């Protein structure tokens, strides 16, 4: 299944689609967050990324952005927030 098909399945309540998205994208999300955070914090950021993705799955519009782009944007934002929070 494509990311778009999986997101539509998530929006319809398919738990296996959530697992497929996590399996496909989590390693990249953790790696991206770990560039600026320790491993535990990177894992926590990844958890928040997927929580947000699934929370707003019904608003996903592949015409606006692909899932990968949305994930990249979220991990960037949430990692930056975490870095700022630790610096304060």
N, C-alpha and C. Protein backbone atom coordinates (compact mmCIF):
# COMPACT_ATOMS: atom_id res chain seq x y z
N UNK A 1 0.84 -1.19 0.00
CA UNK A 1 0.00 0.00 0.00
C UNK A 1 0.88 1.25 0.00
N UNK A 2 0.43 2.26 -0.67
CA UNK A 2 1.15 3.54 -0.67
C UNK A 2 0.88 4.27 0.65
N UNK A 3 1.69 5.28 0.92
CA UNK A 3 1.47 6.10 2.11
C UNK A 3 0.09 6.74 2.08
N UNK A 4 -0.32 7.19 0.92
CA UNK A 4 -1.64 7.83 0.79
C UNK A 4 -2.75 6.84 1.14
N UNK A 5 -2.66 5.64 0.59
CA UNK A 5 -3.67 4.62 0.90
C UNK A 5 -3.67 4.29 2.39
N UNK A 6 -2.48 4.20 2.96
CA UNK A 6 -2.39 3.91 4.39
C UNK A 6 -3.02 5.02 5.22
N UNK A 7 -2.78 6.27 4.85
CA UNK A 7 -3.37 7.37 5.62
C UNK A 7 -4.89 7.39 5.52
N UNK A 8 -5.42 7.08 4.36
CA UNK A 8 -6.87 7.00 4.24
C UNK A 8 -7.41 5.85 5.09
N UNK A 9 -6.67 4.75 5.17
CA UNK A 9 -7.07 3.63 6.02
C UNK A 9 -7.00 4.02 7.50
N UNK A 10 -5.97 4.76 7.88
CA UNK A 10 -5.87 5.24 9.27
C UNK A 10 -7.07 6.13 9.59
N UNK A 11 -7.41 7.02 8.69
CA UNK A 11 -8.56 7.91 8.90
C UNK A 11 -9.85 7.12 9.07
N UNK A 12 -9.90 5.94 8.45
CA UNK A 12 -11.08 5.08 8.56
C UNK A 12 -11.02 4.17 9.79
N UNK A 13 -9.93 4.29 10.57
CA UNK A 13 -9.84 3.52 11.81
C UNK A 13 -9.05 2.23 11.74
N UNK A 14 -8.30 2.03 10.69
CA UNK A 14 -7.54 0.79 10.50
C UNK A 14 -6.24 0.82 11.31
N UNK A 15 -6.20 0.04 12.39
CA UNK A 15 -5.02 0.00 13.27
C UNK A 15 -3.81 -0.62 12.57
N UNK A 16 -4.03 -1.56 11.67
CA UNK A 16 -2.89 -2.17 10.97
C UNK A 16 -2.22 -1.16 10.03
N UNK A 17 -2.98 -0.20 9.54
CA UNK A 17 -2.40 0.85 8.70
C UNK A 17 -1.49 1.75 9.54
N UNK A 18 -1.88 2.01 10.78
CA UNK A 18 -1.02 2.78 11.68
C UNK A 18 0.31 2.06 11.88
N UNK A 19 0.23 0.77 12.14
CA UNK A 19 1.45 -0.02 12.36
C UNK A 19 2.33 0.00 11.12
N UNK A 20 1.73 -0.07 9.95
CA UNK A 20 2.50 -0.06 8.70
C UNK A 20 3.22 1.28 8.51
N UNK A 21 2.55 2.37 8.83
CA UNK A 21 3.17 3.69 8.70
C UNK A 21 4.33 3.82 9.68
N UNK A 22 4.12 3.38 10.91
CA UNK A 22 5.19 3.44 11.90
C UNK A 22 6.37 2.59 11.46
N UNK A 23 6.11 1.38 11.02
CA UNK A 23 7.20 0.49 10.57
C UNK A 23 7.98 1.12 9.42
N UNK A 24 7.29 1.77 8.54
CA UNK A 24 7.92 2.35 7.35
C UNK A 24 8.73 3.61 7.67
N UNK A 25 8.23 4.45 8.56
CA UNK A 25 8.81 5.78 8.74
C UNK A 25 9.56 6.01 10.06
N UNK A 26 9.30 5.21 11.07
CA UNK A 26 9.91 5.47 12.39
C UNK A 26 11.44 5.50 12.36
N UNK A 27 12.12 4.57 11.69
CA UNK A 27 13.59 4.64 11.70
C UNK A 27 14.12 5.99 11.20
N UNK A 28 13.54 6.51 10.15
CA UNK A 28 13.97 7.80 9.60
C UNK A 28 13.66 8.95 10.56
N UNK A 29 12.52 8.88 11.21
CA UNK A 29 12.14 9.92 12.16
C UNK A 29 13.11 9.95 13.34
N UNK A 30 13.41 8.77 13.88
CA UNK A 30 14.32 8.70 15.02
C UNK A 30 15.71 9.19 14.61
N UNK A 31 16.19 8.77 13.45
CA UNK A 31 17.51 9.22 12.98
C UNK A 31 17.56 10.74 12.86
N UNK A 32 16.51 11.32 12.29
CA UNK A 32 16.48 12.77 12.11
C UNK A 32 16.49 13.49 13.46
N UNK A 33 15.69 13.03 14.39
CA UNK A 33 15.64 13.67 15.71
C UNK A 33 16.95 13.46 16.47
N UNK A 34 17.58 12.31 16.28
CA UNK A 34 18.81 11.98 17.01
C UNK A 34 20.00 12.81 16.54
N UNK A 35 19.86 13.51 15.44
CA UNK A 35 20.94 14.41 15.02
C UNK A 35 21.14 15.56 16.01
N UNK A 36 20.05 15.90 16.72
CA UNK A 36 20.13 17.03 17.66
C UNK A 36 19.81 16.63 19.09
N UNK A 37 19.32 15.41 19.29
CA UNK A 37 18.89 14.97 20.62
C UNK A 37 19.53 13.63 20.96
N UNK A 38 19.50 13.28 22.25
CA UNK A 38 19.95 11.95 22.63
C UNK A 38 18.90 10.92 22.19
N UNK A 39 19.25 9.66 22.26
CA UNK A 39 18.39 8.60 21.73
C UNK A 39 17.01 8.58 22.40
N UNK A 40 16.98 8.70 23.72
CA UNK A 40 15.70 8.67 24.43
C UNK A 40 14.80 9.82 24.01
N UNK A 41 15.36 11.00 23.89
CA UNK A 41 14.57 12.16 23.47
C UNK A 41 14.13 12.01 22.02
N UNK A 42 14.99 11.44 21.17
CA UNK A 42 14.62 11.21 19.77
C UNK A 42 13.46 10.23 19.67
N UNK A 43 13.48 9.19 20.49
CA UNK A 43 12.37 8.23 20.51
C UNK A 43 11.08 8.91 20.96
N UNK A 44 11.19 9.79 21.95
CA UNK A 44 10.01 10.51 22.43
C UNK A 44 9.45 11.44 21.35
N UNK A 45 10.33 12.10 20.62
CA UNK A 45 9.89 12.94 19.51
C UNK A 45 9.18 12.09 18.47
N UNK A 46 9.73 10.93 18.15
CA UNK A 46 9.09 10.04 17.17
C UNK A 46 7.69 9.66 17.63
N UNK A 47 7.54 9.35 18.91
CA UNK A 47 6.21 9.02 19.43
C UNK A 47 5.24 10.18 19.21
N UNK A 48 5.70 11.40 19.48
CA UNK A 48 4.83 12.57 19.31
C UNK A 48 4.50 12.82 17.83
N UNK A 49 5.48 12.58 16.96
CA UNK A 49 5.23 12.75 15.52
C UNK A 49 4.08 11.84 15.09
N UNK A 50 4.14 10.57 15.45
CA UNK A 50 3.11 9.65 15.00
C UNK A 50 1.77 9.89 15.70
N UNK A 51 1.82 10.33 16.94
CA UNK A 51 0.57 10.69 17.62
C UNK A 51 -0.13 11.82 16.86
N UNK A 52 0.63 12.83 16.46
CA UNK A 52 0.05 13.95 15.71
C UNK A 52 -0.46 13.51 14.34
N UNK A 53 0.35 12.72 13.65
CA UNK A 53 -0.05 12.24 12.31
C UNK A 53 -1.40 11.52 12.41
N UNK A 54 -1.52 10.64 13.39
CA UNK A 54 -2.75 9.86 13.49
C UNK A 54 -3.91 10.69 14.03
N UNK A 55 -3.61 11.65 14.88
CA UNK A 55 -4.65 12.53 15.42
C UNK A 55 -5.33 13.33 14.30
N UNK A 56 -4.54 13.71 13.30
CA UNK A 56 -5.06 14.55 12.22
C UNK A 56 -5.15 13.80 10.89
N UNK A 57 -5.21 12.49 10.94
CA UNK A 57 -5.25 11.68 9.71
C UNK A 57 -6.43 12.04 8.82
N UNK A 58 -7.54 12.40 9.41
CA UNK A 58 -8.71 12.74 8.60
C UNK A 58 -8.54 14.05 7.84
N UNK A 59 -7.51 14.84 8.19
CA UNK A 59 -7.23 16.09 7.49
C UNK A 59 -6.13 15.94 6.44
N UNK A 60 -5.57 14.75 6.34
CA UNK A 60 -4.49 14.51 5.38
C UNK A 60 -5.00 14.74 3.96
N UNK A 61 -4.26 15.55 3.21
CA UNK A 61 -4.61 15.84 1.82
C UNK A 61 -3.36 15.65 0.96
N UNK A 62 -3.29 14.55 0.22
CA UNK A 62 -2.09 14.29 -0.59
C UNK A 62 -1.87 15.32 -1.69
N UNK A 63 -2.88 16.12 -2.00
CA UNK A 63 -2.71 17.18 -2.99
C UNK A 63 -1.89 18.33 -2.41
N UNK A 64 -1.90 18.47 -1.09
CA UNK A 64 -1.14 19.55 -0.44
C UNK A 64 0.29 19.13 -0.13
N UNK A 65 0.46 17.89 0.34
CA UNK A 65 1.80 17.40 0.68
C UNK A 65 1.76 15.89 0.83
N UNK A 66 2.84 15.25 0.47
CA UNK A 66 2.96 13.81 0.68
C UNK A 66 3.18 13.55 2.16
N UNK A 67 2.87 12.34 2.59
CA UNK A 67 3.04 11.99 3.99
C UNK A 67 4.49 12.18 4.43
N UNK A 68 5.44 11.78 3.61
CA UNK A 68 6.85 11.93 3.97
C UNK A 68 7.22 13.38 4.24
N UNK A 69 6.69 14.29 3.46
CA UNK A 69 6.96 15.72 3.67
C UNK A 69 6.34 16.20 4.97
N UNK A 70 5.14 15.75 5.26
CA UNK A 70 4.46 16.11 6.50
C UNK A 70 5.26 15.60 7.70
N UNK A 71 5.71 14.36 7.61
CA UNK A 71 6.51 13.78 8.69
C UNK A 71 7.81 14.56 8.87
N UNK A 72 8.48 14.88 7.78
CA UNK A 72 9.73 15.63 7.86
C UNK A 72 9.51 16.98 8.53
N UNK A 73 8.45 17.67 8.16
CA UNK A 73 8.13 18.96 8.77
C UNK A 73 7.86 18.80 10.26
N UNK A 74 7.06 17.79 10.62
CA UNK A 74 6.74 17.59 12.03
C UNK A 74 7.97 17.25 12.86
N UNK A 75 8.81 16.35 12.37
CA UNK A 75 9.99 15.97 13.15
C UNK A 75 10.91 17.17 13.31
N UNK A 76 11.01 18.00 12.30
CA UNK A 76 11.83 19.20 12.40
C UNK A 76 11.28 20.14 13.47
N UNK A 77 10.00 20.39 13.44
CA UNK A 77 9.36 21.30 14.41
C UNK A 77 9.46 20.76 15.83
N UNK A 78 9.12 19.49 16.01
CA UNK A 78 9.10 18.92 17.35
C UNK A 78 10.51 18.77 17.92
N UNK A 79 11.47 18.47 17.07
CA UNK A 79 12.87 18.41 17.52
C UNK A 79 13.34 19.79 17.95
N UNK A 80 13.05 20.80 17.15
CA UNK A 80 13.43 22.17 17.50
C UNK A 80 12.79 22.59 18.82
N UNK A 81 11.53 22.25 19.01
CA UNK A 81 10.85 22.57 20.27
C UNK A 81 11.55 21.90 21.45
N UNK A 82 11.94 20.66 21.27
CA UNK A 82 12.62 19.91 22.33
C UNK A 82 13.98 20.54 22.64
N UNK A 83 14.72 20.91 21.61
CA UNK A 83 16.03 21.55 21.81
C UNK A 83 15.85 22.87 22.56
N UNK A 84 14.88 23.67 22.16
CA UNK A 84 14.61 24.95 22.84
C UNK A 84 14.22 24.72 24.30
N UNK A 85 13.39 23.71 24.52
CA UNK A 85 12.96 23.40 25.89
C UNK A 85 14.11 22.99 26.79
N UNK A 86 15.06 22.28 26.24
CA UNK A 86 16.22 21.84 27.03
C UNK A 86 17.18 22.99 27.29
N UNK A 87 17.19 23.97 26.40
CA UNK A 87 18.10 25.11 26.55
C UNK A 87 17.58 26.12 27.58
N UNK A 88 16.28 26.10 27.80
CA UNK A 88 15.66 27.09 28.70
C UNK A 88 15.93 26.79 30.16
